[in-house]
Amino acid sequence: MLTVTLIPESAAAEIFAVKCCGGALPDQNLEIQIENRGTASVAVVSRIVLESANATHTIEAVCPAGGRVLPPGAIASLYTALAPEVLARYRHIVLFDRQGQPYRFPIQSRL
């Protein structure tokens, strides 16, 4: 079972500036923290979909490219750029595993 916490306006840009060999990803302001509380590993791809009652918004520019593999008990993060006012329009975030299975979560931001 996966759980997701969204952290808008995270310090990801500053972290990337230090860890990415002098490079930077200055627009990465949304952290998508994923915890695997299940008993099997889950490979999450670098694509998310935001959903509301009337619209969807797909984001394929998610770092790290290729996604993350989360063994049982692991916590990992994906990062992307998204204005807070855009995030506020949506009610669910959907992650996908490598087989295309969706994992849908209500959006509950941690401020």
C-alpha atoms as a PDB file:
ATOM      1  CA  MET A   1       0.000   0.000   0.000  1.00  0.00           C
ATOM      2  CA  LEU A   2       1.395   3.379  -0.999  1.00  0.00           C
ATOM      3  CA  THR A   3       0.788   6.663   0.777  1.00  0.00           C
ATOM      4  CA  VAL A   4       1.510  10.081  -0.690  1.00  0.00           C
ATOM      5  CA  THR A   5       2.229  13.439   0.897  1.00  0.00           C
ATOM      6  CA  LEU A   6       2.547  16.547  -1.257  1.00  0.00           C
ATOM      7  CA  ILE A   7       4.950  19.199  -0.052  1.00  0.00           C
ATOM      8  CA  PRO A   8       4.378  22.421  -2.021  1.00  0.00           C
ATOM      9  CA  GLU A   9       7.144  25.004  -2.056  1.00  0.00           C
ATOM     10  CA  SER A  10       9.681  22.414  -0.885  1.00  0.00           C
ATOM     11  CA  ALA A  11      13.388  23.165  -0.686  1.00  0.00           C
ATOM     12  CA  ALA A  12      14.074  20.785  -3.601  1.00  0.00           C
ATOM     13  CA  ALA A  13      15.620  23.489  -5.810  1.00  0.00           C
ATOM     14  CA  GLU A  14      18.259  24.278  -3.174  1.00  0.00           C
ATOM     15  CA  ILE A  15      18.976  20.572  -2.649  1.00  0.00           C
ATOM     16  CA  PHE A  16      19.445  19.994  -6.389  1.00  0.00           C
ATOM     17  CA  ALA A  17      21.756  23.016  -6.617  1.00  0.00           C
ATOM     18  CA  VAL A  18      24.074  21.380  -4.071  1.00  0.00           C
ATOM     19  CA  LYS A  19      23.839  17.724  -5.184  1.00  0.00           C
ATOM     20  CA  CYS A  20      23.661  17.945  -8.979  1.00  0.00           C
ATOM     21  CA  CYS A  21      27.316  18.534  -9.817  1.00  0.00           C
ATOM     22  CA  GLY A  22      26.901  22.292  -9.870  1.00  0.00           C
ATOM     23  CA  GLY A  23      23.776  22.103 -12.013  1.00  0.00           C
ATOM     24  CA  ALA A  24      20.431  23.266 -10.832  1.00  0.00           C
ATOM     25  CA  LEU A  25      16.758  22.601 -11.292  1.00  0.00           C
ATOM     26  CA  PRO A  26      15.474  25.933  -9.988  1.00  0.00           C
ATOM     27  CA  ASP A  27      11.819  25.348 -10.789  1.00  0.00           C
ATOM     28  CA  GLN A  28      11.362  22.144  -8.755  1.00  0.00           C
ATOM     29  CA  ASN A  29       8.995  23.395  -6.069  1.00  0.00           C
ATOM     30  CA  LEU A  30       6.665  20.432  -5.491  1.00  0.00           C
ATOM     31  CA  GLU A  31       7.854  17.346  -3.634  1.00  0.00           C
ATOM     32  CA  ILE A  32       5.768  14.184  -3.945  1.00  0.00           C
ATOM     33  CA  GLN A  33       6.782  12.019  -0.998  1.00  0.00           C
ATOM     34  CA  ILE A  34       5.803   8.365  -1.405  1.00  0.00           C
ATOM     35  CA  GLU A  35       5.889   5.699   1.290  1.00  0.00           C
ATOM     36  CA  ASN A  36       5.498   1.989   0.576  1.00  0.00           C
ATOM     37  CA  ARG A  37       3.642   0.457   3.522  1.00  0.00           C
ATOM     38  CA  GLY A  38       3.016  -2.766   1.638  1.00  0.00           C
ATOM     39  CA  THR A  39       4.895  -6.056   1.525  1.00  0.00           C
ATOM     40  CA  ALA A  40       6.087  -5.917  -2.104  1.00  0.00           C
ATOM     41  CA  SER A  41       8.300  -3.463  -3.996  1.00  0.00           C
ATOM     42  CA  VAL A  42       6.578  -0.941  -6.251  1.00  0.00           C
ATOM     43  CA  ALA A  43       8.275   0.760  -9.216  1.00  0.00           C
ATOM     44  CA  VAL A  44       6.702   4.191  -9.699  1.00  0.00           C
ATOM     45  CA  VAL A  45       7.279   5.944 -13.045  1.00  0.00           C
ATOM     46  CA  SER A  46       8.062   9.639 -13.531  1.00  0.00           C
ATOM     47  CA  ARG A  47       4.601  10.714 -14.612  1.00  0.00           C
ATOM     48  CA  ILE A  48       1.701  12.002 -12.567  1.00  0.00           C
ATOM     49  CA  VAL A  49      -1.858  13.018 -13.344  1.00  0.00           C
ATOM     50  CA  LEU A  50      -3.824  15.539 -11.330  1.00  0.00           C
ATOM     51  CA  GLU A  51      -7.609  15.148 -11.386  1.00  0.00           C
ATOM     52  CA  SER A  52     -10.626  17.236 -10.507  1.00  0.00           C
ATOM     53  CA  ALA A  53     -14.282  16.589 -11.276  1.00  0.00           C
ATOM     54  CA  ASN A  54     -13.993  18.231 -14.708  1.00  0.00           C
ATOM     55  CA  ALA A  55     -10.339  18.185 -15.712  1.00  0.00           C
ATOM     56  CA  THR A  56      -7.042  16.337 -15.675  1.00  0.00           C
ATOM     57  CA  HIS A  57      -3.500  17.668 -15.863  1.00  0.00           C
ATOM     58  CA  THR A  58      -0.658  15.323 -16.849  1.00  0.00           C
ATOM     59  CA  ILE A  59       2.898  16.107 -15.773  1.00  0.00           C
ATOM     60  CA  GLU A  60       5.674  14.110 -17.394  1.00  0.00           C
ATOM     61  CA  ALA A  61       8.536  16.382 -16.331  1.00  0.00           C
ATOM     62  CA  VAL A  62       9.079  14.648 -13.003  1.00  0.00           C
ATOM     63  CA  CYS A  63      12.520  14.168 -11.455  1.00  0.00           C
ATOM     64  CA  PRO A  64      14.196  11.739 -11.216  1.00  0.00           C
ATOM     65  CA  ALA A  65      13.603  10.563 -14.744  1.00  0.00           C
ATOM     66  CA  GLY A  66      12.739   6.885 -14.808  1.00  0.00           C
ATOM     67  CA  GLY A  67      10.900   6.990 -11.493  1.00  0.00           C
ATOM     68  CA  ARG A  68      11.715   5.238  -8.254  1.00  0.00           C
ATOM     69  CA  VAL A  69      11.638   1.679  -6.961  1.00  0.00           C
ATOM     70  CA  LEU A  70      10.259   1.529  -3.437  1.00  0.00           C
ATOM     71  CA  PRO A  71      10.893  -1.654  -1.458  1.00  0.00           C
ATOM     72  CA  PRO A  72       8.609  -2.357   1.499  1.00  0.00           C
ATOM     73  CA  GLY A  73       9.044   0.311   4.181  1.00  0.00           C
ATOM     74  CA  ALA A  74      10.863   2.736   1.885  1.00  0.00           C
ATOM     75  CA  ILE A  75      10.158   6.431   1.501  1.00  0.00           C
ATOM     76  CA  ALA A  76      11.200   8.253  -1.671  1.00  0.00           C
ATOM     77  CA  SER A  77      10.362  11.499  -3.404  1.00  0.00           C
ATOM     78  CA  LEU A  78       9.605  12.714  -6.886  1.00  0.00           C
ATOM     79  CA  TYR A  79       9.933  16.398  -7.769  1.00  0.00           C
ATOM     80  CA  THR A  80       8.295  18.682 -10.300  1.00  0.00           C
ATOM     81  CA  ALA A  81       7.420  22.293 -10.985  1.00  0.00           C
ATOM     82  CA  LEU A  82       3.845  23.304 -10.301  1.00  0.00           C
ATOM     83  CA  ALA A  83       2.384  26.622  -9.236  1.00  0.00           C
ATOM     84  CA  PRO A  84       0.420  26.350  -5.969  1.00  0.00           C
ATOM     85  CA  GLU A  85      -2.647  27.899  -7.586  1.00  0.00           C
ATOM     86  CA  VAL A  86      -2.636  25.153 -10.229  1.00  0.00           C
ATOM     87  CA  LEU A  87      -2.310  22.425  -7.580  1.00  0.00           C
ATOM     88  CA  ALA A  88      -5.249  23.956  -5.693  1.00  0.00           C
ATOM     89  CA  ARG A  89      -7.556  23.243  -8.663  1.00  0.00           C
ATOM     90  CA  TYR A  90      -7.232  19.474  -8.314  1.00  0.00           C
ATOM     91  CA  ARG A  91      -8.534  16.939  -5.796  1.00  0.00           C
ATOM     92  CA  HIS A  92      -6.557  13.770  -6.636  1.00  0.00           C
ATOM     93  CA  ILE A  93      -3.062  12.828  -7.687  1.00  0.00           C
ATOM     94  CA  VAL A  94      -2.497   9.643  -9.677  1.00  0.00           C
ATOM     95  CA  LEU A  95       0.832   7.799  -9.771  1.00  0.00           C
ATOM     96  CA  PHE A  96       1.551   4.842 -12.050  1.00  0.00           C
ATOM     97  CA  ASP A  97       3.690   1.744 -11.732  1.00  0.00           C
ATOM     98  CA  ARG A  98       5.738   0.334 -14.618  1.00  0.00           C
ATOM     99  CA  GLN A  99       2.834  -1.878 -15.686  1.00  0.00           C
ATOM    100  CA  GLY A 100       0.568   1.184 -15.983  1.00  0.00           C
ATOM    101  CA  GLN A 101      -1.498   0.439 -12.874  1.00  0.00           C
ATOM    102  CA  PRO A 102      -2.792   3.699 -11.384  1.00  0.00           C
ATOM    103  CA  TYR A 103      -2.526   4.618  -7.714  1.00  0.00           C
ATOM    104  CA  ARG A 104      -5.003   7.411  -6.879  1.00  0.00           C
ATOM    105  CA  PHE A 105      -4.722   9.572  -3.755  1.00  0.00           C
ATOM    106  CA  PRO A 106      -6.643  12.563  -2.418  1.00  0.00           C
ATOM    107  CA  ILE A 107      -4.498  15.670  -2.435  1.00  0.00           C
ATOM    108  CA  GLN A 108      -3.554  16.545   1.128  1.00  0.00           C
ATOM    109  CA  SER A 109      -0.722  19.059   1.238  1.00  0.00           C
ATOM    110  CA  ARG A 110       1.631  19.445   4.134  1.00  0.00           C
ATOM    111  CA  LEU A 111       2.424  23.105   4.731  1.00  0.00           C
END
